N, C-alpha and C. Protein backbone atom coordinates (compact mmCIF):
# COMPACT_ATOMS: atom_id res chain seq x y z
N ASN A 1 7.27 -61.00 158.60
CA ASN A 1 6.73 -60.36 157.62
C ASN A 1 6.77 -60.81 155.96
N GLU A 2 5.26 -61.00 155.48
CA GLU A 2 5.31 -61.64 154.55
C GLU A 2 6.26 -60.68 153.27
N ARG A 3 6.48 -59.87 153.24
CA ARG A 3 6.94 -58.64 152.83
C ARG A 3 8.35 -58.69 152.30
N ALA A 4 9.16 -59.60 153.61
CA ALA A 4 10.32 -59.27 153.85
C ALA A 4 10.59 -60.90 152.92
N ARG A 5 12.57 -60.40 152.38
CA ARG A 5 13.04 -61.02 151.38
C ARG A 5 14.38 -61.70 152.49
N ARG A 6 15.01 -61.35 153.38
CA ARG A 6 15.87 -61.63 153.99
C ARG A 6 15.99 -60.98 155.82
N LEU A 7 16.49 -61.80 156.26
CA LEU A 7 16.42 -61.52 157.80
C LEU A 7 17.44 -60.22 157.99
N THR A 8 16.55 -59.24 158.71
CA THR A 8 17.33 -58.23 159.00
C THR A 8 17.27 -57.76 160.50
N LEU A 9 17.70 -56.98 160.71
CA LEU A 9 18.21 -56.86 162.88
C LEU A 9 18.44 -55.41 162.73
N ARG A 10 17.55 -54.88 163.60
CA ARG A 10 17.84 -53.19 164.08
C ARG A 10 17.54 -53.21 165.57
N ILE A 11 18.47 -52.09 166.23
CA ILE A 11 17.89 -51.80 167.61
C ILE A 11 16.81 -50.54 167.48
N ASP A 12 15.84 -50.74 168.55
CA ASP A 12 14.77 -49.57 167.96
C ASP A 12 15.57 -48.70 168.75
N ALA A 13 14.71 -47.04 168.22
CA ALA A 13 15.13 -46.03 168.76
C ALA A 13 15.27 -45.90 170.23
N GLY A 14 16.64 -45.68 170.86
CA GLY A 14 16.36 -45.31 172.42
C GLY A 14 17.28 -46.51 173.13
N GLY A 15 16.92 -47.83 172.08
CA GLY A 15 17.31 -49.31 173.11
C GLY A 15 16.13 -49.57 173.38
N ARG A 16 15.23 -49.28 172.96
CA ARG A 16 13.88 -50.14 173.76
C ARG A 16 13.45 -51.23 173.34
N GLY A 17 14.18 -51.97 172.37
CA GLY A 17 13.91 -53.26 172.30
C GLY A 17 14.95 -53.54 170.40
N LEU A 18 15.01 -55.05 170.71
CA LEU A 18 15.70 -55.49 169.59
C LEU A 18 14.34 -56.18 168.87
N ARG A 19 14.92 -55.34 167.26
CA ARG A 19 13.93 -55.73 166.20
C ARG A 19 14.46 -56.74 164.99
N VAL A 20 14.01 -57.98 165.18
CA VAL A 20 14.53 -59.15 163.77
C VAL A 20 13.73 -59.09 163.18
N THR A 21 13.81 -58.92 161.63
CA THR A 21 12.32 -59.30 160.89
C THR A 21 12.67 -60.33 160.16
N VAL A 22 11.74 -61.16 159.92
CA VAL A 22 11.97 -62.83 159.35
C VAL A 22 11.07 -63.06 158.29
N PRO A 23 11.80 -63.78 156.94
CA PRO A 23 10.57 -63.85 155.95
C PRO A 23 9.97 -64.95 156.12
N PRO A 24 9.05 -65.18 155.20
CA PRO A 24 8.36 -66.33 155.27
C PRO A 24 8.79 -67.57 155.49
N GLY A 25 8.92 -68.72 156.38
CA GLY A 25 9.43 -69.92 155.92
C GLY A 25 10.64 -70.27 156.60
N VAL A 26 11.16 -69.12 157.00
CA VAL A 26 12.78 -69.05 157.95
C VAL A 26 12.61 -70.01 159.38
N ALA A 27 13.24 -70.87 159.39
CA ALA A 27 13.10 -71.68 160.29
C ALA A 27 13.80 -70.81 162.04
N ASP A 28 13.27 -71.05 163.06
CA ASP A 28 13.96 -70.27 164.46
C ASP A 28 15.52 -70.58 164.47
N ASN A 29 15.66 -72.21 164.00
CA ASN A 29 16.69 -72.31 164.07
C ASN A 29 17.97 -71.43 163.56
N GLU A 30 17.57 -71.10 162.30
CA GLU A 30 18.25 -70.36 161.39
C GLU A 30 18.44 -68.93 161.88
N VAL A 31 16.60 -68.26 162.37
CA VAL A 31 16.74 -67.09 163.17
C VAL A 31 18.23 -67.07 164.15
N GLU A 32 18.23 -67.86 164.98
CA GLU A 32 19.30 -67.84 166.52
C GLU A 32 20.64 -68.22 165.55
N ARG A 33 20.87 -69.12 164.49
CA ARG A 33 22.08 -68.28 164.09
C ARG A 33 22.61 -67.77 163.32
N PHE A 34 21.43 -66.62 162.87
CA PHE A 34 21.62 -65.31 162.68
C PHE A 34 22.16 -63.96 163.62
N LEU A 35 21.47 -64.47 164.72
CA LEU A 35 21.74 -63.42 165.49
C LEU A 35 23.00 -63.95 166.38
N PHE A 36 23.41 -65.09 166.16
CA PHE A 36 25.14 -65.28 166.75
C PHE A 36 25.77 -64.68 166.19
N ARG A 37 25.36 -64.75 164.73
CA ARG A 37 26.35 -63.90 163.79
C ARG A 37 26.55 -63.08 164.23
N HIS A 38 25.86 -61.99 164.61
CA HIS A 38 25.37 -60.37 164.77
C HIS A 38 26.04 -60.60 166.19
N GLN A 39 26.34 -61.26 166.83
CA GLN A 39 26.84 -61.01 168.15
C GLN A 39 27.58 -59.64 168.72
N GLY A 40 28.53 -59.68 167.92
CA GLY A 40 29.28 -58.64 168.22
C GLY A 40 28.97 -57.42 167.98
N TRP A 41 28.52 -57.36 166.88
CA TRP A 41 27.76 -56.35 166.27
C TRP A 41 26.82 -55.03 167.46
N LEU A 42 25.81 -56.45 167.62
CA LEU A 42 24.85 -55.26 168.67
C LEU A 42 25.47 -55.61 169.96
N GLU A 43 26.59 -56.17 170.17
CA GLU A 43 26.91 -55.71 171.66
C GLU A 43 27.65 -54.31 171.77
N GLN A 44 28.20 -54.13 170.43
CA GLN A 44 28.71 -52.34 170.16
C GLN A 44 28.02 -51.94 169.80
N ARG A 45 26.93 -51.88 169.36
CA ARG A 45 25.92 -50.74 169.06
C ARG A 45 25.27 -50.50 170.75
N LEU A 46 24.88 -52.02 171.33
CA LEU A 46 23.95 -51.50 172.60
C LEU A 46 24.81 -50.70 173.73
N ALA A 47 26.44 -51.03 173.43
CA ALA A 47 27.21 -50.13 174.53
C ALA A 47 26.95 -49.02 174.06
N LYS A 48 27.01 -48.65 173.08
CA LYS A 48 26.67 -47.01 172.92
C LYS A 48 24.87 -46.66 172.95
N VAL A 49 24.12 -47.21 173.61
CA VAL A 49 22.53 -46.56 173.60
C VAL A 49 22.95 -46.12 175.09
N PRO A 50 22.24 -44.98 174.71
CA PRO A 50 22.53 -43.78 176.30
C PRO A 50 21.31 -44.71 176.96
N ASP A 51 21.71 -44.02 178.66
CA ASP A 51 20.85 -44.69 179.81
C ASP A 51 19.68 -44.17 179.03
N ARG A 52 18.72 -44.59 179.93
CA ARG A 52 17.02 -44.53 179.54
C ARG A 52 16.95 -43.92 180.32
N PRO A 53 16.65 -43.13 181.43
CA PRO A 53 16.30 -42.71 182.52
C PRO A 53 14.93 -42.65 182.56
N GLN A 54 14.33 -43.41 183.98
CA GLN A 54 12.45 -42.54 184.33
C GLN A 54 12.24 -41.84 184.41
N VAL A 55 11.62 -40.61 184.06
CA VAL A 55 11.29 -39.61 184.23
C VAL A 55 11.21 -39.55 186.09
N ARG A 56 11.40 -38.39 186.49
CA ARG A 56 11.53 -38.37 187.91
C ARG A 56 11.79 -36.94 188.23
N PRO A 57 11.60 -36.85 189.55
CA PRO A 57 11.73 -35.42 189.88
C PRO A 57 13.35 -35.10 190.26
N GLY A 58 13.57 -34.24 189.87
CA GLY A 58 15.57 -33.91 189.92
C GLY A 58 16.02 -34.33 188.84
N ILE A 59 15.28 -34.54 187.83
CA ILE A 59 16.08 -34.88 186.41
C ILE A 59 15.64 -33.88 185.24
N LYS A 60 16.39 -33.87 183.96
CA LYS A 60 15.92 -32.37 183.29
C LYS A 60 15.29 -33.71 182.02
N ILE A 61 14.38 -32.59 181.34
CA ILE A 61 13.75 -33.43 180.03
C ILE A 61 13.23 -31.89 179.38
N PRO A 62 13.49 -32.17 177.93
CA PRO A 62 13.79 -30.90 176.90
C PRO A 62 12.29 -30.67 177.05
N LEU A 63 11.95 -29.15 176.75
CA LEU A 63 10.56 -29.15 176.15
C LEU A 63 10.63 -28.29 175.00
N ARG A 64 10.60 -28.32 173.95
CA ARG A 64 10.91 -27.52 172.96
C ARG A 64 11.92 -27.09 172.54
N GLY A 65 13.05 -28.02 173.29
CA GLY A 65 14.48 -27.85 173.14
C GLY A 65 15.31 -27.39 174.34
N VAL A 66 14.25 -26.58 175.10
CA VAL A 66 14.66 -26.40 176.43
C VAL A 66 14.91 -26.90 177.48
N PRO A 67 15.92 -27.45 178.38
CA PRO A 67 16.03 -28.62 179.64
C PRO A 67 14.75 -27.81 180.70
N HIS A 68 14.32 -28.65 181.15
CA HIS A 68 13.06 -28.60 182.13
C HIS A 68 13.48 -29.28 183.33
N LEU A 69 13.96 -28.76 184.77
CA LEU A 69 13.66 -29.43 185.52
C LEU A 69 12.60 -30.39 186.19
N ILE A 70 12.41 -31.25 186.34
CA ILE A 70 11.02 -31.73 186.85
C ILE A 70 11.08 -31.52 188.47
N VAL A 71 9.87 -30.78 189.00
CA VAL A 71 9.88 -30.64 190.18
C VAL A 71 8.67 -31.49 190.56
N HIS A 72 8.71 -31.78 191.78
CA HIS A 72 7.37 -32.83 192.30
C HIS A 72 6.76 -31.83 193.56
N GLU A 73 5.44 -31.58 193.46
CA GLU A 73 4.48 -31.18 194.46
C GLU A 73 3.47 -31.84 194.95
N VAL A 74 3.24 -31.98 196.16
CA VAL A 74 2.07 -32.84 196.31
C VAL A 74 0.67 -32.00 196.54
N ALA A 75 -0.15 -32.19 196.07
CA ALA A 75 -1.00 -31.53 195.66
C ALA A 75 -2.53 -32.56 195.82
N THR A 76 -3.87 -32.11 196.06
CA THR A 76 -4.72 -32.76 196.21
C THR A 76 -5.49 -33.35 194.63
N ARG A 77 -4.98 -32.60 193.85
CA ARG A 77 -5.32 -32.82 192.28
C ARG A 77 -3.62 -32.47 191.54
N GLY A 78 -3.85 -33.60 190.64
CA GLY A 78 -2.78 -34.10 190.14
C GLY A 78 -2.57 -32.90 188.92
N SER A 79 -1.50 -31.94 188.42
CA SER A 79 -1.98 -31.44 187.12
C SER A 79 -0.10 -30.71 186.42
N VAL A 80 -0.17 -30.41 185.92
CA VAL A 80 1.32 -30.24 185.33
C VAL A 80 1.41 -28.77 184.99
N ALA A 81 2.70 -27.91 185.53
CA ALA A 81 2.63 -26.54 185.39
C ALA A 81 3.96 -26.24 184.91
N LEU A 82 4.20 -24.97 184.21
CA LEU A 82 5.45 -24.72 183.68
C LEU A 82 5.96 -23.43 184.98
N GLY A 83 7.03 -23.59 185.56
CA GLY A 83 7.66 -22.70 186.46
C GLY A 83 8.89 -22.10 185.69
N GLN A 84 9.43 -21.43 186.83
CA GLN A 84 11.21 -20.47 186.39
C GLN A 84 11.58 -20.39 187.67
N ASP A 85 12.66 -20.67 188.08
CA ASP A 85 13.16 -20.29 189.73
C ASP A 85 14.92 -19.83 189.31
N GLU A 86 15.74 -19.86 190.50
CA GLU A 86 17.20 -19.68 189.81
C GLU A 86 17.99 -20.81 189.47
N ARG A 87 17.09 -22.23 189.69
CA ARG A 87 17.52 -23.21 188.78
C ARG A 87 17.18 -23.35 187.34
N GLY A 88 16.62 -22.26 187.05
CA GLY A 88 15.94 -22.74 185.60
C GLY A 88 14.51 -22.29 185.01
N PRO A 89 14.23 -23.52 183.68
CA PRO A 89 13.07 -23.52 183.64
C PRO A 89 12.68 -24.89 184.59
N LEU A 90 11.29 -24.73 184.99
CA LEU A 90 11.10 -26.07 185.47
C LEU A 90 9.46 -26.62 185.23
N LEU A 91 9.57 -28.04 184.78
CA LEU A 91 8.16 -28.62 185.07
C LEU A 91 7.40 -29.07 186.03
N ILE A 92 6.76 -28.51 186.56
CA ILE A 92 6.37 -28.90 188.06
C ILE A 92 4.90 -29.41 187.86
N VAL A 93 5.01 -30.71 188.29
CA VAL A 93 4.06 -31.82 188.38
C VAL A 93 3.04 -32.16 189.98
N TYR A 94 2.27 -31.79 190.22
CA TYR A 94 1.05 -31.88 191.28
C TYR A 94 0.46 -33.29 191.40
N GLY A 95 0.40 -33.54 192.28
CA GLY A 95 -0.52 -35.01 193.24
C GLY A 95 0.02 -35.89 193.50
N ASP A 96 0.23 -37.11 192.97
CA ASP A 96 0.44 -38.46 193.81
C ASP A 96 1.87 -38.55 192.80
N ARG A 97 2.83 -39.18 193.46
CA ARG A 97 4.31 -39.36 193.08
C ARG A 97 4.15 -40.62 192.27
N ARG A 98 3.45 -41.29 192.54
CA ARG A 98 3.27 -42.66 191.63
C ARG A 98 2.71 -42.13 190.20
N HIS A 99 2.02 -41.16 189.86
CA HIS A 99 1.41 -40.62 188.41
C HIS A 99 2.64 -39.85 187.70
N LEU A 100 3.25 -39.34 188.19
CA LEU A 100 4.29 -38.52 187.86
C LEU A 100 4.48 -38.54 185.96
N PRO A 101 5.08 -40.09 185.94
CA PRO A 101 5.60 -40.33 184.52
C PRO A 101 3.95 -39.92 183.53
N ARG A 102 2.99 -40.48 184.05
CA ARG A 102 1.98 -40.30 183.18
C ARG A 102 1.20 -39.02 182.91
N ARG A 103 1.77 -38.56 184.07
CA ARG A 103 1.11 -36.89 183.94
C ARG A 103 2.37 -36.19 182.92
N ILE A 104 3.25 -36.50 183.29
CA ILE A 104 4.43 -35.78 182.07
C ILE A 104 3.61 -36.10 180.52
N ALA A 105 3.75 -37.93 180.26
CA ALA A 105 3.36 -37.96 179.00
C ALA A 105 1.83 -37.04 178.41
N ASP A 106 0.73 -37.43 179.25
CA ASP A 106 -0.80 -36.35 179.44
C ASP A 106 -0.23 -35.23 178.68
N PHE A 107 0.52 -34.41 179.54
CA PHE A 107 1.09 -32.81 179.42
C PHE A 107 1.61 -32.78 178.20
N LEU A 108 2.72 -33.75 177.76
CA LEU A 108 3.14 -33.66 176.15
C LEU A 108 2.27 -33.62 174.98
N LYS A 109 1.52 -34.83 175.61
CA LYS A 109 0.24 -35.15 174.29
C LYS A 109 -0.61 -33.54 173.86
N ARG A 110 -0.73 -33.14 174.91
CA ARG A 110 -1.89 -32.16 175.32
C ARG A 110 -0.94 -30.95 174.80
N GLU A 111 0.45 -30.53 174.72
CA GLU A 111 1.48 -29.68 173.97
C GLU A 111 1.34 -29.78 172.70
N ALA A 112 1.22 -30.97 172.41
CA ALA A 112 1.04 -31.41 170.77
C ALA A 112 0.33 -31.20 169.97
N LYS A 113 -1.37 -31.50 170.84
CA LYS A 113 -2.35 -31.37 170.30
C LYS A 113 -2.39 -29.85 169.62
N CYS A 114 -2.52 -29.16 170.63
CA CYS A 114 -2.12 -27.29 170.66
C CYS A 114 -1.44 -27.03 169.53
N ALA A 115 0.14 -27.50 169.66
CA ALA A 115 1.05 -27.09 168.71
C ALA A 115 0.79 -27.36 167.66
N ILE A 116 0.19 -28.62 167.15
CA ILE A 116 0.43 -29.55 165.99
C ILE A 116 -0.53 -29.06 165.16
N GLU A 117 -1.64 -29.20 165.60
CA GLU A 117 -2.98 -29.11 165.34
C GLU A 117 -2.90 -27.39 164.14
N MET A 118 -2.62 -26.30 165.46
CA MET A 118 -1.88 -25.18 165.10
C MET A 118 -1.39 -25.09 163.64
N LEU A 119 -0.23 -25.81 163.35
CA LEU A 119 0.76 -25.86 162.30
C LEU A 119 0.02 -26.67 161.26
N VAL A 120 0.00 -27.92 161.38
CA VAL A 120 -1.24 -28.39 160.52
C VAL A 120 -2.30 -27.08 159.68
N ALA A 121 -3.05 -26.48 160.65
CA ALA A 121 -3.76 -25.52 159.94
C ALA A 121 -3.28 -24.86 158.97
N LYS A 122 -2.13 -24.09 159.59
CA LYS A 122 -1.30 -23.21 158.84
C LYS A 122 -0.90 -24.04 157.50
N HIS A 123 -0.11 -25.07 157.64
CA HIS A 123 0.49 -25.42 156.28
C HIS A 123 -0.56 -26.10 155.56
N THR A 124 -1.68 -26.60 155.97
CA THR A 124 -2.44 -27.14 154.86
C THR A 124 -2.93 -25.67 154.09
N LEU A 125 -3.15 -24.40 154.72
CA LEU A 125 -4.08 -23.76 154.32
C LEU A 125 -2.84 -22.88 153.17
N LYS A 126 -1.84 -23.52 153.00
CA LYS A 126 -0.65 -22.83 152.19
C LYS A 126 -0.74 -23.62 151.06
N LEU A 127 -1.25 -24.80 151.23
CA LEU A 127 -0.65 -25.63 149.78
C LEU A 127 -2.46 -26.24 149.44
N GLY A 128 -3.27 -25.71 150.43
CA GLY A 128 -4.73 -25.81 149.49
C GLY A 128 -5.48 -27.04 149.67
N LYS A 129 -5.17 -27.88 151.02
CA LYS A 129 -4.86 -28.93 150.92
C LYS A 129 -6.01 -29.13 152.39
N ARG A 130 -6.50 -30.38 152.96
CA ARG A 130 -7.17 -30.53 154.16
C ARG A 130 -7.09 -32.14 154.60
N ALA A 131 -6.51 -31.79 155.68
CA ALA A 131 -6.18 -33.38 156.37
C ALA A 131 -7.59 -33.63 157.04
N LYS A 132 -7.22 -35.02 156.83
CA LYS A 132 -8.81 -35.80 157.36
C LYS A 132 -9.05 -35.99 158.84
N SER A 133 -7.89 -36.25 159.52
CA SER A 133 -7.41 -36.31 161.26
C SER A 133 -6.27 -36.40 161.06
N ILE A 134 -5.92 -36.17 162.70
CA ILE A 134 -4.63 -35.98 163.06
C ILE A 134 -4.66 -36.57 164.94
N ARG A 135 -3.35 -37.47 165.02
CA ARG A 135 -3.34 -38.21 165.52
C ARG A 135 -2.30 -38.34 166.32
N PHE A 136 -2.03 -38.86 167.87
CA PHE A 136 -1.03 -38.79 168.38
C PHE A 136 -0.54 -39.94 168.72
N LYS A 137 0.64 -40.29 168.99
CA LYS A 137 1.00 -41.76 169.02
C LYS A 137 2.45 -41.81 170.13
N ASP A 138 3.02 -42.69 170.54
CA ASP A 138 4.18 -42.83 170.91
C ASP A 138 5.09 -44.34 169.99
N THR A 139 5.65 -43.55 168.66
CA THR A 139 5.59 -44.61 167.98
C THR A 139 7.13 -44.26 168.28
N SER A 140 8.56 -45.21 167.76
CA SER A 140 10.13 -45.39 167.76
C SER A 140 10.32 -45.50 166.64
N SER A 141 9.57 -45.87 165.14
CA SER A 141 10.21 -46.45 164.39
C SER A 141 9.97 -44.88 163.26
N ARG A 142 9.23 -44.25 163.65
CA ARG A 142 8.98 -42.90 162.47
C ARG A 142 8.31 -41.74 163.85
N TRP A 143 8.04 -40.46 163.52
CA TRP A 143 7.91 -39.36 163.76
C TRP A 143 6.54 -38.92 163.32
N GLY A 144 6.40 -39.38 162.21
CA GLY A 144 4.83 -39.21 161.76
C GLY A 144 4.59 -39.58 160.50
N SER A 145 3.23 -39.38 160.24
CA SER A 145 2.75 -40.56 158.81
C SER A 145 1.92 -39.58 158.42
N CYS A 146 1.83 -40.09 157.04
CA CYS A 146 0.21 -39.33 156.17
C CYS A 146 -0.15 -40.53 155.54
N THR A 147 -1.38 -40.78 155.40
CA THR A 147 -2.33 -42.10 154.73
C THR A 147 -2.26 -41.28 153.39
N SER A 148 -2.90 -41.99 152.61
CA SER A 148 -3.43 -41.50 150.92
C SER A 148 -4.34 -41.01 150.94
N GLU A 149 -5.18 -41.35 152.74
CA GLU A 149 -6.57 -40.57 153.41
C GLU A 149 -6.39 -39.64 153.09
N GLY A 150 -5.42 -38.98 153.98
CA GLY A 150 -5.06 -38.07 154.66
C GLY A 150 -5.14 -37.54 156.39
N ASN A 151 -4.99 -39.25 156.79
CA ASN A 151 -4.95 -38.94 157.71
C ASN A 151 -3.74 -39.27 158.68
N LEU A 152 -3.38 -38.45 159.34
CA LEU A 152 -2.17 -37.38 159.74
C LEU A 152 -1.55 -37.90 161.08
N SER A 153 -0.49 -38.73 161.53
CA SER A 153 -0.17 -39.20 162.68
C SER A 153 1.19 -38.83 163.55
N PHE A 154 1.45 -38.61 164.39
CA PHE A 154 2.78 -37.81 165.12
C PHE A 154 2.88 -38.38 166.12
N SER A 155 4.24 -38.35 166.41
CA SER A 155 4.59 -39.00 168.10
C SER A 155 4.94 -37.96 168.78
N TRP A 156 4.17 -37.64 169.61
CA TRP A 156 4.09 -36.61 170.55
C TRP A 156 5.38 -36.29 171.40
N ARG A 157 6.47 -37.24 171.15
CA ARG A 157 7.79 -37.00 171.90
C ARG A 157 8.11 -35.82 170.87
N ILE A 158 7.63 -35.51 169.87
CA ILE A 158 8.38 -34.52 169.09
C ILE A 158 8.30 -33.51 170.09
N MET A 159 7.31 -32.95 170.80
CA MET A 159 7.54 -31.64 171.97
C MET A 159 8.67 -31.37 172.49
N MET A 160 9.37 -32.61 172.41
CA MET A 160 10.80 -32.05 172.96
C MET A 160 11.73 -31.73 172.48
N ALA A 161 11.76 -31.78 170.91
CA ALA A 161 12.48 -31.31 170.01
C ALA A 161 12.36 -29.91 169.88
N PRO A 162 13.27 -29.26 169.87
CA PRO A 162 13.00 -27.42 169.05
C PRO A 162 11.96 -27.26 168.19
N GLN A 163 11.58 -25.97 168.05
CA GLN A 163 9.95 -25.57 167.86
C GLN A 163 10.30 -25.89 165.83
N ALA A 164 11.43 -25.23 165.56
CA ALA A 164 11.87 -25.45 164.14
C ALA A 164 11.61 -26.65 164.18
N VAL A 165 12.02 -27.89 164.33
CA VAL A 165 12.11 -29.19 164.33
C VAL A 165 10.64 -29.48 164.12
N ILE A 166 9.67 -28.80 165.29
CA ILE A 166 8.50 -29.88 165.25
C ILE A 166 7.74 -29.03 163.98
N ASN A 167 7.89 -27.76 163.78
CA ASN A 167 7.45 -27.26 162.17
C ASN A 167 7.69 -28.21 160.93
N TYR A 168 8.98 -28.25 161.13
CA TYR A 168 9.68 -29.26 159.95
C TYR A 168 8.98 -30.55 159.79
N LEU A 169 8.65 -31.14 160.85
CA LEU A 169 8.02 -32.56 161.16
C LEU A 169 6.27 -32.25 160.36
N VAL A 170 5.95 -31.08 160.73
CA VAL A 170 4.46 -30.65 160.65
C VAL A 170 4.59 -30.66 158.96
N ALA A 171 5.45 -30.07 158.15
CA ALA A 171 5.41 -29.47 157.26
C ALA A 171 5.48 -30.68 156.55
N HIS A 172 6.54 -31.36 156.40
CA HIS A 172 7.00 -33.05 155.98
C HIS A 172 5.80 -33.53 155.74
N GLU A 173 4.89 -33.64 156.74
CA GLU A 173 3.80 -34.72 156.72
C GLU A 173 2.77 -33.66 155.87
N VAL A 174 2.49 -32.49 156.60
CA VAL A 174 1.67 -31.89 155.68
C VAL A 174 1.80 -32.30 153.80
N ALA A 175 3.16 -32.20 153.28
CA ALA A 175 3.55 -31.87 151.95
C ALA A 175 2.95 -33.07 151.56
N HIS A 176 2.95 -34.34 152.26
CA HIS A 176 2.78 -35.55 151.45
C HIS A 176 1.01 -35.62 151.60
N LEU A 177 0.28 -34.68 151.78
CA LEU A 177 -0.97 -34.67 150.97
C LEU A 177 -0.43 -33.96 149.84
N LYS A 178 0.03 -33.75 149.50
CA LYS A 178 0.19 -33.24 147.87
C LYS A 178 1.02 -33.71 146.86
N GLU A 179 2.02 -34.32 147.77
CA GLU A 179 2.54 -35.45 146.87
C GLU A 179 2.98 -36.77 147.94
N MET A 180 2.41 -37.69 147.46
CA MET A 180 2.68 -39.06 148.37
C MET A 180 3.52 -39.85 148.32
N ASN A 181 5.02 -39.18 148.46
CA ASN A 181 6.15 -39.46 147.84
C ASN A 181 7.31 -38.70 148.53
N HIS A 182 8.86 -39.59 148.01
CA HIS A 182 9.94 -38.42 148.66
C HIS A 182 10.53 -38.20 147.32
N SER A 183 9.75 -37.63 146.22
CA SER A 183 10.53 -37.48 144.78
C SER A 183 11.15 -35.72 145.38
N PRO A 184 11.76 -35.55 144.37
CA PRO A 184 12.38 -33.81 144.55
C PRO A 184 11.19 -33.08 144.56
N ARG A 185 9.79 -33.31 143.66
CA ARG A 185 8.65 -32.35 143.90
C ARG A 185 8.44 -32.36 145.23
N PHE A 186 8.30 -33.33 146.13
CA PHE A 186 7.87 -33.68 147.67
C PHE A 186 8.74 -32.52 148.28
N TRP A 187 9.86 -32.62 148.09
CA TRP A 187 11.08 -31.88 148.74
C TRP A 187 10.92 -30.92 148.15
N LYS A 188 10.29 -30.21 146.95
CA LYS A 188 10.58 -28.90 147.17
C LYS A 188 9.15 -28.03 147.58
N VAL A 189 8.57 -29.12 147.74
CA VAL A 189 7.02 -28.23 148.33
C VAL A 189 7.49 -28.30 150.37
N VAL A 190 7.81 -29.06 150.60
CA VAL A 190 8.44 -29.12 151.95
C VAL A 190 9.23 -27.72 152.04
N ALA A 191 10.36 -27.38 151.06
CA ALA A 191 11.02 -26.41 151.53
C ALA A 191 10.24 -24.96 151.47
N ARG A 192 9.75 -25.26 150.84
CA ARG A 192 8.54 -23.70 150.12
C ARG A 192 7.59 -23.49 151.58
N ILE A 193 7.15 -24.60 152.20
CA ILE A 193 6.25 -23.89 153.30
C ILE A 193 7.17 -24.38 154.70
N CYS A 194 8.52 -24.74 154.57
CA CYS A 194 9.37 -25.07 155.29
C CYS A 194 10.70 -24.46 155.48
N PRO A 195 11.21 -23.04 155.30
CA PRO A 195 12.85 -22.69 154.73
C PRO A 195 13.35 -23.29 156.03
N ALA A 196 13.75 -23.40 156.33
CA ALA A 196 14.71 -24.46 157.72
C ALA A 196 14.69 -25.84 157.69
N THR A 197 14.39 -26.38 156.59
CA THR A 197 14.12 -27.88 156.02
C THR A 197 15.55 -28.92 156.37
N GLU A 198 16.56 -27.99 155.70
CA GLU A 198 17.55 -28.91 156.01
C GLU A 198 18.34 -28.91 157.57
N ARG A 199 18.15 -27.43 158.06
CA ARG A 199 18.84 -28.05 159.35
C ARG A 199 17.57 -28.61 160.25
N ALA A 200 16.47 -28.45 160.36
CA ALA A 200 15.56 -29.19 161.26
C ALA A 200 16.07 -30.85 160.87
N LYS A 201 16.01 -31.24 159.59
CA LYS A 201 16.11 -32.76 159.01
C LYS A 201 17.42 -33.21 159.98
N LYS A 202 18.69 -32.08 159.59
CA LYS A 202 19.89 -32.46 160.43
C LYS A 202 19.78 -32.98 161.71
N TRP A 203 19.12 -32.04 162.62
CA TRP A 203 19.00 -32.24 163.91
C TRP A 203 18.14 -33.19 164.47
N LEU A 204 17.41 -34.11 163.68
CA LEU A 204 16.37 -34.69 163.91
C LEU A 204 17.10 -35.82 163.89
N ASP A 205 18.36 -36.09 162.41
CA ASP A 205 18.92 -36.87 162.47
C ASP A 205 20.05 -37.47 163.40
N THR A 206 20.65 -36.23 163.97
CA THR A 206 21.43 -36.02 164.86
C THR A 206 20.97 -36.65 166.76
N HIS A 207 20.14 -35.44 166.57
CA HIS A 207 19.32 -35.90 168.11
C HIS A 207 18.05 -36.55 168.29
N GLY A 208 17.14 -36.92 167.15
CA GLY A 208 16.22 -37.67 167.64
C GLY A 208 15.98 -38.95 168.04
N ASN A 209 17.18 -39.57 168.11
CA ASN A 209 16.57 -41.08 169.19
C ASN A 209 17.08 -40.19 170.66
N ASP A 210 17.69 -39.44 170.68
CA ASP A 210 17.83 -39.28 172.27
C ASP A 210 16.53 -38.86 172.95
N LEU A 211 15.66 -38.40 172.20
CA LEU A 211 14.13 -37.80 172.97
C LEU A 211 13.15 -39.59 173.37
N HIS A 212 13.89 -40.73 172.60
CA HIS A 212 13.14 -42.33 172.71
C HIS A 212 13.87 -42.51 174.11
N ARG A 213 15.00 -41.63 174.49
CA ARG A 213 15.51 -42.59 175.37
C ARG A 213 15.01 -42.19 176.79
N TYR A 214 13.96 -40.81 177.08
CA TYR A 214 13.90 -40.72 178.31
C TYR A 214 12.45 -42.05 178.73
N GLY A 215 12.16 -42.77 179.72
CA GLY A 215 11.08 -43.58 180.62
C GLY A 215 10.01 -42.88 180.49
N ILE A 216 8.68 -42.29 180.01
CA ILE A 216 7.97 -41.57 179.72
C ILE A 216 6.59 -42.50 179.49
N GLU A 217 5.96 -42.91 180.70
CA GLU A 217 4.77 -43.38 180.51
C GLU A 217 3.61 -43.49 179.54
N ASP A 218 3.09 -43.91 178.82
CA ASP A 218 2.04 -43.45 177.41
C ASP A 218 1.12 -43.69 178.16
């Protein structure tokens, strides 16, 4: 990283990777020594990383904060539907079993597009601002972003969080259309359009990494 001033080390959300940021001009052997010095710290942190189960029939994943049991049904056409029986809320995936993870990812993207576009419209109307575009990605470093041109991006994995947290995330990014910073003025804007900001922030700080641990194919 051309802007880095020192070596830094972090574990990506959900334990999906190890990220070392290296300033210009640092030799490979110096990076190796840096990793060796932090080996103990790494082992302690990695031991705390939860298992990352690949989505499959029989496990549960949350949808808007509610655990849903994944059920596979053979059918000629692949689709995803919500259901309910004595086992509780269900996520029913039809079609070839091999495509189940991708179909769940596609389902979450569709849910994100529908729910988040509605929330963006709601919050931009309150602020008298317009978003230039809305995009959906599977990012581990941030849940959302807003550019100075008004382009909004969101991680579709946020659809596994409770509805209040989804609303907060959208309010946070929309507020950047008015305040492109994290100043006290910015947080006042967020709180005005999302009164549950503090509770939602706390949930995301505590549980956000858990949403990255599910092995859902993008």
